[in-house]
Amino acid sequence: MKLNTKVWLTLLVLFIVFGGILTFYLSGKSEDIPSDQDLMASMRIATLIREGKAPDFMLKDLEGKSVRLSGLRGKVVLVNFWTTW
């Protein structure tokens, strides 16, 4: 079975493209890519690496009921303190 010219050209182009992608992928050096810590330091953003639990506290919700942080264990909690001047 003889392959025609279009098939050979298609295979050749695919081979070249695949080779170029593979070469580009393998030529990347991990030293050239800054780590998250380096990026944060370059923007002068301090990172807090602290493992532990947040201190327990109690606040009132919008309905006036008391809510303790320890009662919300296992849930995502967003505390937004704000004021108007």
PDB file of N, CA and C in Angstrom:
ATOM      1  N   MET A   1       0.845  -1.173   0.000  1.00  0.00           N
ATOM      2  CA  MET A   1       0.000   0.000   0.000  1.00  0.00           C
ATOM      3  C   MET A   1       0.889   1.235   0.000  1.00  0.00           C
ATOM      4  N   LYS A   2       0.656   2.097  -0.939  1.00  0.00           N
ATOM      5  CA  LYS A   2       1.489   3.268  -1.112  1.00  0.00           C
ATOM      6  C   LYS A   2       0.773   4.495  -0.542  1.00  0.00           C
ATOM      7  N   LEU A   3       1.487   5.248   0.326  1.00  0.00           N
ATOM      8  CA  LEU A   3       0.913   6.465   0.895  1.00  0.00           C
ATOM      9  C   LEU A   3       1.135   7.623  -0.067  1.00  0.00           C
ATOM     10  N   ASN A   4       0.130   8.460  -0.191  1.00  0.00           N
ATOM     11  CA  ASN A   4       0.284   9.587  -1.107  1.00  0.00           C
ATOM     12  C   ASN A   4       1.072  10.722  -0.449  1.00  0.00           C
ATOM     13  N   THR A   5       1.371  11.733  -1.211  1.00  0.00           N
ATOM     14  CA  THR A   5       2.221  12.838  -0.773  1.00  0.00           C
ATOM     15  C   THR A   5       1.604  13.614   0.385  1.00  0.00           C
ATOM     16  N   LYS A   6       0.285  13.808   0.386  1.00  0.00           N
ATOM     17  CA  LYS A   6      -0.375  14.551   1.459  1.00  0.00           C
ATOM     18  C   LYS A   6      -0.187  13.856   2.805  1.00  0.00           C
ATOM     19  N   VAL A   7      -0.297  12.558   2.811  1.00  0.00           N
ATOM     20  CA  VAL A   7      -0.140  11.819   4.063  1.00  0.00           C
ATOM     21  C   VAL A   7       1.291  11.947   4.568  1.00  0.00           C
ATOM     22  N   TRP A   8       2.280  11.813   3.661  1.00  0.00           N
ATOM     23  CA  TRP A   8       3.674  11.952   4.060  1.00  0.00           C
ATOM     24  C   TRP A   8       3.968  13.349   4.588  1.00  0.00           C
ATOM     25  N   LEU A   9       3.449  14.363   3.934  1.00  0.00           N
ATOM     26  CA  LEU A   9       3.664  15.741   4.391  1.00  0.00           C
ATOM     27  C   LEU A   9       3.004  15.976   5.753  1.00  0.00           C
ATOM     28  N   THR A  10       1.825  15.430   5.932  1.00  0.00           N
ATOM     29  CA  THR A  10       1.131  15.566   7.211  1.00  0.00           C
ATOM     30  C   THR A  10       1.925  14.905   8.330  1.00  0.00           C
ATOM     31  N   LEU A  11       2.416  13.701   8.068  1.00  0.00           N
ATOM     32  CA  LEU A  11       3.227  13.006   9.065  1.00  0.00           C
ATOM     33  C   LEU A  11       4.518  13.763   9.368  1.00  0.00           C
ATOM     34  N   LEU A  12       5.136  14.326   8.346  1.00  0.00           N
ATOM     35  CA  LEU A  12       6.365  15.087   8.528  1.00  0.00           C
ATOM     36  C   LEU A  12       6.113  16.334   9.369  1.00  0.00           C
ATOM     37  N   VAL A  13       5.044  17.049   9.074  1.00  0.00           N
ATOM     38  CA  VAL A  13       4.704  18.254   9.840  1.00  0.00           C
ATOM     39  C   VAL A  13       4.408  17.886  11.295  1.00  0.00           C
ATOM     40  N   LEU A  14       3.640  16.835  11.508  1.00  0.00           N
ATOM     41  CA  LEU A  14       3.342  16.402  12.870  1.00  0.00           C
ATOM     42  C   LEU A  14       4.605  16.009  13.630  1.00  0.00           C
ATOM     43  N   PHE A  15       5.513  15.326  12.952  1.00  0.00           N
ATOM     44  CA  PHE A  15       6.771  14.935  13.572  1.00  0.00           C
ATOM     45  C   PHE A  15       7.590  16.158  13.958  1.00  0.00           C
ATOM     46  N   ILE A  16       7.654  17.144  13.093  1.00  0.00           N
ATOM     47  CA  ILE A  16       8.414  18.370  13.373  1.00  0.00           C
ATOM     48  C   ILE A  16       7.779  19.141  14.525  1.00  0.00           C
ATOM     49  N   VAL A  17       6.455  19.282  14.505  1.00  0.00           N
ATOM     50  CA  VAL A  17       5.762  19.998  15.573  1.00  0.00           C
ATOM     51  C   VAL A  17       5.948  19.281  16.907  1.00  0.00           C
ATOM     52  N   PHE A  18       5.772  17.972  16.912  1.00  0.00           N
ATOM     53  CA  PHE A  18       5.953  17.203  18.138  1.00  0.00           C
ATOM     54  C   PHE A  18       7.388  17.328  18.648  1.00  0.00           C
ATOM     55  N   GLY A  19       8.348  17.264  17.767  1.00  0.00           N
ATOM     56  CA  GLY A  19       9.748  17.422  18.164  1.00  0.00           C
ATOM     57  C   GLY A  19      10.031  18.801  18.744  1.00  0.00           C
ATOM     58  N   GLY A  20       9.441  19.825  18.140  1.00  0.00           N
ATOM     59  CA  GLY A  20       9.621  21.187  18.660  1.00  0.00           C
ATOM     60  C   GLY A  20       9.010  21.353  20.040  1.00  0.00           C
ATOM     61  N   ILE A  21       7.827  20.818  20.228  1.00  0.00           N
ATOM     62  CA  ILE A  21       7.171  20.907  21.535  1.00  0.00           C
ATOM     63  C   ILE A  21       7.976  20.146  22.583  1.00  0.00           C
ATOM     64  N   LEU A  22       8.435  18.967  22.229  1.00  0.00           N
ATOM     65  CA  LEU A  22       9.218  18.158  23.154  1.00  0.00           C
ATOM     66  C   LEU A  22      10.530  18.856  23.512  1.00  0.00           C
ATOM     67  N   THR A  23      11.182  19.446  22.533  1.00  0.00           N
ATOM     68  CA  THR A  23      12.430  20.168  22.783  1.00  0.00           C
ATOM     69  C   THR A  23      12.189  21.359  23.692  1.00  0.00           C
ATOM     70  N   PHE A  24      11.128  22.120  23.431  1.00  0.00           N
ATOM     71  CA  PHE A  24      10.792  23.276  24.251  1.00  0.00           C
ATOM     72  C   PHE A  24      10.487  22.844  25.682  1.00  0.00           C
ATOM     73  N   TYR A  25       9.743  21.786  25.843  1.00  0.00           N
ATOM     74  CA  TYR A  25       9.371  21.295  27.167  1.00  0.00           C
ATOM     75  C   TYR A  25      10.593  20.819  27.949  1.00  0.00           C
ATOM     76  N   LEU A  26      11.479  20.094  27.305  1.00  0.00           N
ATOM     77  CA  LEU A  26      12.634  19.544  27.993  1.00  0.00           C
ATOM     78  C   LEU A  26      13.732  20.571  28.237  1.00  0.00           C
ATOM     79  N   SER A  27      13.726  21.683  27.512  1.00  0.00           N
ATOM     80  CA  SER A  27      14.785  22.673  27.675  1.00  0.00           C
ATOM     81  C   SER A  27      14.516  23.637  28.818  1.00  0.00           C
ATOM     82  N   GLY A  28      13.301  23.661  29.362  1.00  0.00           N
ATOM     83  CA  GLY A  28      12.989  24.551  30.472  1.00  0.00           C
ATOM     84  C   GLY A  28      13.731  24.128  31.725  1.00  0.00           C
ATOM     85  N   LYS A  29      14.363  25.090  32.376  1.00  0.00           N
ATOM     86  CA  LYS A  29      15.115  24.795  33.586  1.00  0.00           C
ATOM     87  C   LYS A  29      14.288  25.247  34.785  1.00  0.00           C
ATOM     88  N   SER A  30      14.234  24.415  35.795  1.00  0.00           N
ATOM     89  CA  SER A  30      13.459  24.772  36.974  1.00  0.00           C
ATOM     90  C   SER A  30      14.107  25.907  37.758  1.00  0.00           C
ATOM     91  N   GLU A  31      15.421  26.133  37.587  1.00  0.00           N
ATOM     92  CA  GLU A  31      16.085  27.229  38.285  1.00  0.00           C
ATOM     93  C   GLU A  31      15.621  28.585  37.758  1.00  0.00           C
ATOM     94  N   ASP A  32      15.165  28.637  36.504  1.00  0.00           N
ATOM     95  CA  ASP A  32      14.732  29.894  35.910  1.00  0.00           C
ATOM     96  C   ASP A  32      13.360  30.330  36.409  1.00  0.00           C
ATOM     97  N   ILE A  33      12.606  29.430  36.973  1.00  0.00           N
ATOM     98  CA  ILE A  33      11.256  29.728  37.420  1.00  0.00           C
ATOM     99  C   ILE A  33      11.312  30.048  38.910  1.00  0.00           C
ATOM    100  N   PRO A  34      10.914  31.270  39.303  1.00  0.00           N
ATOM    101  CA  PRO A  34      11.002  31.616  40.724  1.00  0.00           C
ATOM    102  C   PRO A  34       9.982  30.835  41.542  1.00  0.00           C
ATOM    103  N   SER A  35      10.362  30.526  42.763  1.00  0.00           N
ATOM    104  CA  SER A  35       9.440  29.840  43.659  1.00  0.00           C
ATOM    105  C   SER A  35       8.414  30.841  44.180  1.00  0.00           C
ATOM    106  N   ASP A  36       7.378  30.338  44.809  1.00  0.00           N
ATOM    107  CA  ASP A  36       6.367  31.219  45.385  1.00  0.00           C
ATOM    108  C   ASP A  36       6.985  32.139  46.433  1.00  0.00           C
ATOM    109  N   GLN A  37       7.899  31.596  47.229  1.00  0.00           N
ATOM    110  CA  GLN A  37       8.545  32.395  48.268  1.00  0.00           C
ATOM    111  C   GLN A  37       9.371  33.518  47.648  1.00  0.00           C
ATOM    112  N   ASP A  38      10.114  33.221  46.568  1.00  0.00           N
ATOM    113  CA  ASP A  38      10.920  34.239  45.894  1.00  0.00           C
ATOM    114  C   ASP A  38      10.031  35.321  45.296  1.00  0.00           C
ATOM    115  N   LEU A  39       8.931  34.910  44.715  1.00  0.00           N
ATOM    116  CA  LEU A  39       8.008  35.866  44.113  1.00  0.00           C
ATOM    117  C   LEU A  39       7.411  36.778  45.172  1.00  0.00           C
ATOM    118  N   MET A  40       6.992  36.203  46.294  1.00  0.00           N
ATOM    119  CA  MET A  40       6.433  37.004  47.375  1.00  0.00           C
ATOM    120  C   MET A  40       7.478  37.972  47.933  1.00  0.00           C
ATOM    121  N   ALA A  41       8.712  37.497  48.084  1.00  0.00           N
ATOM    122  CA  ALA A  41       9.776  38.350  48.610  1.00  0.00           C
ATOM    123  C   ALA A  41      10.093  39.486  47.641  1.00  0.00           C
ATOM    124  N   SER A  42      10.053  39.225  46.348  1.00  0.00           N
ATOM    125  CA  SER A  42      10.345  40.274  45.363  1.00  0.00           C
ATOM    126  C   SER A  42       9.280  41.368  45.373  1.00  0.00           C
ATOM    127  N   MET A  43       8.071  41.031  45.793  1.00  0.00           N
ATOM    128  CA  MET A  43       6.993  42.029  45.894  1.00  0.00           C
ATOM    129  C   MET A  43       6.874  42.590  47.308  1.00  0.00           C
ATOM    130  N   ARG A  44       7.822  42.217  48.157  1.00  0.00           N
ATOM    131  CA  ARG A  44       7.854  42.658  49.550  1.00  0.00           C
ATOM    132  C   ARG A  44       6.583  42.281  50.299  1.00  0.00           C
ATOM    133  N   ILE A  45       6.106  41.089  50.033  1.00  0.00           N
ATOM    134  CA  ILE A  45       4.941  40.562  50.726  1.00  0.00           C
ATOM    135  C   ILE A  45       5.435  39.505  51.696  1.00  0.00           C
ATOM    136  N   ALA A  46       5.165  39.720  52.958  1.00  0.00           N
ATOM    137  CA  ALA A  46       5.604  38.774  53.977  1.00  0.00           C
ATOM    138  C   ALA A  46       4.635  37.599  54.015  1.00  0.00           C
ATOM    139  N   THR A  47       5.192  36.442  54.169  1.00  0.00           N
ATOM    140  CA  THR A  47       4.347  35.260  54.304  1.00  0.00           C
ATOM    141  C   THR A  47       4.416  34.784  55.743  1.00  0.00           C
ATOM    142  N   LEU A  48       3.305  34.367  56.243  1.00  0.00           N
ATOM    143  CA  LEU A  48       3.223  33.860  57.598  1.00  0.00           C
ATOM    144  C   LEU A  48       3.043  32.361  57.518  1.00  0.00           C
ATOM    145  N   ILE A  49       4.042  31.668  57.966  1.00  0.00           N
ATOM    146  CA  ILE A  49       3.949  30.216  57.981  1.00  0.00           C
ATOM    147  C   ILE A  49       3.825  29.822  59.447  1.00  0.00           C
ATOM    148  N   ARG A  50       2.622  29.530  59.815  1.00  0.00           N
ATOM    149  CA  ARG A  50       2.359  29.201  61.205  1.00  0.00           C
ATOM    150  C   ARG A  50       1.343  28.086  61.240  1.00  0.00           C
ATOM    151  N   GLU A  51       1.729  27.040  61.836  1.00  0.00           N
ATOM    152  CA  GLU A  51       0.798  25.945  61.968  1.00  0.00           C
ATOM    153  C   GLU A  51       0.241  25.973  63.371  1.00  0.00           C
ATOM    154  N   GLY A  52      -1.016  25.885  63.461  1.00  0.00           N
ATOM    155  CA  GLY A  52      -1.656  25.909  64.755  1.00  0.00           C
ATOM    156  C   GLY A  52      -3.109  26.308  64.591  1.00  0.00           C
ATOM    157  N   LYS A  53      -3.758  26.416  65.705  1.00  0.00           N
ATOM    158  CA  LYS A  53      -5.170  26.762  65.675  1.00  0.00           C
ATOM    159  C   LYS A  53      -5.348  28.231  66.006  1.00  0.00           C
ATOM    160  N   ALA A  54      -6.374  28.819  65.453  1.00  0.00           N
ATOM    161  CA  ALA A  54      -6.729  30.191  65.789  1.00  0.00           C
ATOM    162  C   ALA A  54      -7.288  30.195  67.205  1.00  0.00           C
ATOM    163  N   PRO A  55      -7.053  31.261  67.942  1.00  0.00           N
ATOM    164  CA  PRO A  55      -7.614  31.311  69.293  1.00  0.00           C
ATOM    165  C   PRO A  55      -9.140  31.352  69.236  1.00  0.00           C
ATOM    166  N   ASP A  56      -9.748  30.717  70.206  1.00  0.00           N
ATOM    167  CA  ASP A  56     -11.210  30.687  70.248  1.00  0.00           C
ATOM    168  C   ASP A  56     -11.728  32.063  70.662  1.00  0.00           C
ATOM    169  N   PHE A  57     -12.784  32.523  70.022  1.00  0.00           N
ATOM    170  CA  PHE A  57     -13.419  33.780  70.394  1.00  0.00           C
ATOM    171  C   PHE A  57     -14.911  33.673  70.145  1.00  0.00           C
ATOM    172  N   MET A  58     -15.648  34.643  70.683  1.00  0.00           N
ATOM    173  CA  MET A  58     -17.096  34.645  70.543  1.00  0.00           C
ATOM    174  C   MET A  58     -17.530  36.010  70.017  1.00  0.00           C
ATOM    175  N   LEU A  59     -18.402  35.998  69.026  1.00  0.00           N
ATOM    176  CA  LEU A  59     -18.975  37.215  68.455  1.00  0.00           C
ATOM    177  C   LEU A  59     -20.475  37.031  68.322  1.00  0.00           C
ATOM    178  N   LYS A  60     -21.156  38.119  68.097  1.00  0.00           N
ATOM    179  CA  LYS A  60     -22.595  38.048  67.862  1.00  0.00           C
ATOM    180  C   LYS A  60     -22.843  38.104  66.364  1.00  0.00           C
ATOM    181  N   ASP A  61     -23.797  37.285  65.890  1.00  0.00           N
ATOM    182  CA  ASP A  61     -24.141  37.307  64.474  1.00  0.00           C
ATOM    183  C   ASP A  61     -25.161  38.419  64.216  1.00  0.00           C
ATOM    184  N   LEU A  62     -25.658  38.503  62.996  1.00  0.00           N
ATOM    185  CA  LEU A  62     -26.582  39.571  62.627  1.00  0.00           C
ATOM    186  C   LEU A  62     -27.916  39.498  63.376  1.00  0.00           C
ATOM    187  N   GLU A  63     -28.237  38.333  63.895  1.00  0.00           N
ATOM    188  CA  GLU A  63     -29.488  38.169  64.633  1.00  0.00           C
ATOM    189  C   GLU A  63     -29.280  38.338  66.129  1.00  0.00           C
ATOM    190  N   GLY A  64     -28.058  38.645  66.557  1.00  0.00           N
ATOM    191  CA  GLY A  64     -27.770  38.871  67.958  1.00  0.00           C
ATOM    192  C   GLY A  64     -27.416  37.620  68.735  1.00  0.00           C
ATOM    193  N   LYS A  65     -27.345  36.469  68.080  1.00  0.00           N
ATOM    194  CA  LYS A  65     -26.975  35.228  68.757  1.00  0.00           C
ATOM    195  C   LYS A  65     -25.451  35.135  68.862  1.00  0.00           C
ATOM    196  N   SER A  66     -24.983  34.577  69.969  1.00  0.00           N
ATOM    197  CA  SER A  66     -23.543  34.402  70.170  1.00  0.00           C
ATOM    198  C   SER A  66     -23.048  33.203  69.364  1.00  0.00           C
ATOM    199  N   VAL A  67     -21.914  33.407  68.704  1.00  0.00           N
ATOM    200  CA  VAL A  67     -21.302  32.346  67.898  1.00  0.00           C
ATOM    201  C   VAL A  67     -19.853  32.211  68.337  1.00  0.00           C
ATOM    202  N   ARG A  68     -19.439  30.988  68.643  1.00  0.00           N
ATOM    203  CA  ARG A  68     -18.052  30.714  69.017  1.00  0.00           C
ATOM    204  C   ARG A  68     -17.318  30.111  67.829  1.00  0.00           C
ATOM    205  N   LEU A  69     -16.067  30.478  67.682  1.00  0.00           N
ATOM    206  CA  LEU A  69     -15.252  29.919  66.608  1.00  0.00           C
ATOM    207  C   LEU A  69     -15.124  28.413  66.761  1.00  0.00           C
ATOM    208  N   SER A  70     -14.969  27.940  67.974  1.00  0.00           N
ATOM    209  CA  SER A  70     -14.819  26.502  68.189  1.00  0.00           C
ATOM    210  C   SER A  70     -16.068  25.733  67.760  1.00  0.00           C
ATOM    211  N   GLY A  71     -17.227  26.384  67.734  1.00  0.00           N
ATOM    212  CA  GLY A  71     -18.455  25.733  67.289  1.00  0.00           C
ATOM    213  C   GLY A  71     -18.537  25.578  65.775  1.00  0.00           C
ATOM    214  N   LEU A  72     -17.615  26.202  65.069  1.00  0.00           N
ATOM    215  CA  LEU A  72     -17.615  26.142  63.599  1.00  0.00           C
ATOM    216  C   LEU A  72     -16.490  25.259  63.065  1.00  0.00           C
ATOM    217  N   ARG A  73     -15.930  24.419  63.910  1.00  0.00           N
ATOM    218  CA  ARG A  73     -14.817  23.555  63.504  1.00  0.00           C
ATOM    219  C   ARG A  73     -15.195  22.725  62.281  1.00  0.00           C
ATOM    220  N   GLY A  74     -14.282  22.694  61.300  1.00  0.00           N
ATOM    221  CA  GLY A  74     -14.504  21.915  60.087  1.00  0.00           C
ATOM    222  C   GLY A  74     -15.192  22.714  58.986  1.00  0.00           C
ATOM    223  N   LYS A  75     -15.571  23.951  59.275  1.00  0.00           N
ATOM    224  CA  LYS A  75     -16.219  24.799  58.267  1.00  0.00           C
ATOM    225  C   LYS A  75     -15.278  25.934  57.898  1.00  0.00           C
ATOM    226  N   VAL A  76     -15.503  26.518  56.735  1.00  0.00           N
ATOM    227  CA  VAL A  76     -14.725  27.677  56.317  1.00  0.00           C
ATOM    228  C   VAL A  76     -15.296  28.898  57.012  1.00  0.00           C
ATOM    229  N   VAL A  77     -14.410  29.675  57.651  1.00  0.00           N
ATOM    230  CA  VAL A  77     -14.843  30.850  58.401  1.00  0.00           C
ATOM    231  C   VAL A  77     -14.135  32.071  57.838  1.00  0.00           C
ATOM    232  N   LEU A  78     -14.893  33.086  57.492  1.00  0.00           N
ATOM    233  CA  LEU A  78     -14.343  34.362  57.054  1.00  0.00           C
ATOM    234  C   LEU A  78     -14.782  35.408  58.055  1.00  0.00           C
ATOM    235  N   VAL A  79     -13.822  36.007  58.710  1.00  0.00           N
ATOM    236  CA  VAL A  79     -14.111  37.049  59.701  1.00  0.00           C
ATOM    237  C   VAL A  79     -13.687  38.372  59.082  1.00  0.00           C
ATOM    238  N   ASN A  80     -14.611  39.284  58.953  1.00  0.00           N
ATOM    239  CA  ASN A  80     -14.344  40.575  58.330  1.00  0.00           C
ATOM    240  C   ASN A  80     -14.654  41.665  59.340  1.00  0.00           C
ATOM    241  N   PHE A  81     -13.605  42.247  59.923  1.00  0.00           N
ATOM    242  CA  PHE A  81     -13.784  43.352  60.847  1.00  0.00           C
ATOM    243  C   PHE A  81     -13.689  44.641  60.052  1.00  0.00           C
ATOM    244  N   TRP A  82     -14.630  45.530  60.249  1.00  0.00           N
ATOM    245  CA  TRP A  82     -14.605  46.791  59.530  1.00  0.00           C
ATOM    246  C   TRP A  82     -15.272  47.852  60.387  1.00  0.00           C
ATOM    247  N   THR A  83     -15.086  49.072  60.015  1.00  0.00           N
ATOM    248  CA  THR A  83     -15.682  50.173  60.739  1.00  0.00           C
ATOM    249  C   THR A  83     -15.946  51.325  59.784  1.00  0.00           C
ATOM    250  N   THR A  84     -16.750  52.238  60.214  1.00  0.00           N
ATOM    251  CA  THR A  84     -16.956  53.483  59.475  1.00  0.00           C
ATOM    252  C   THR A  84     -16.489  54.617  60.358  1.00  0.00           C
ATOM    253  N   TRP A  85     -15.879  55.587  59.820  1.00  0.00           N
ATOM    254  CA  TRP A  85     -15.335  56.696  60.602  1.00  0.00           C
ATOM    255  C   TRP A  85     -16.177  57.910  60.409  1.00  0.00           C
TER     256      TRP A  85
END
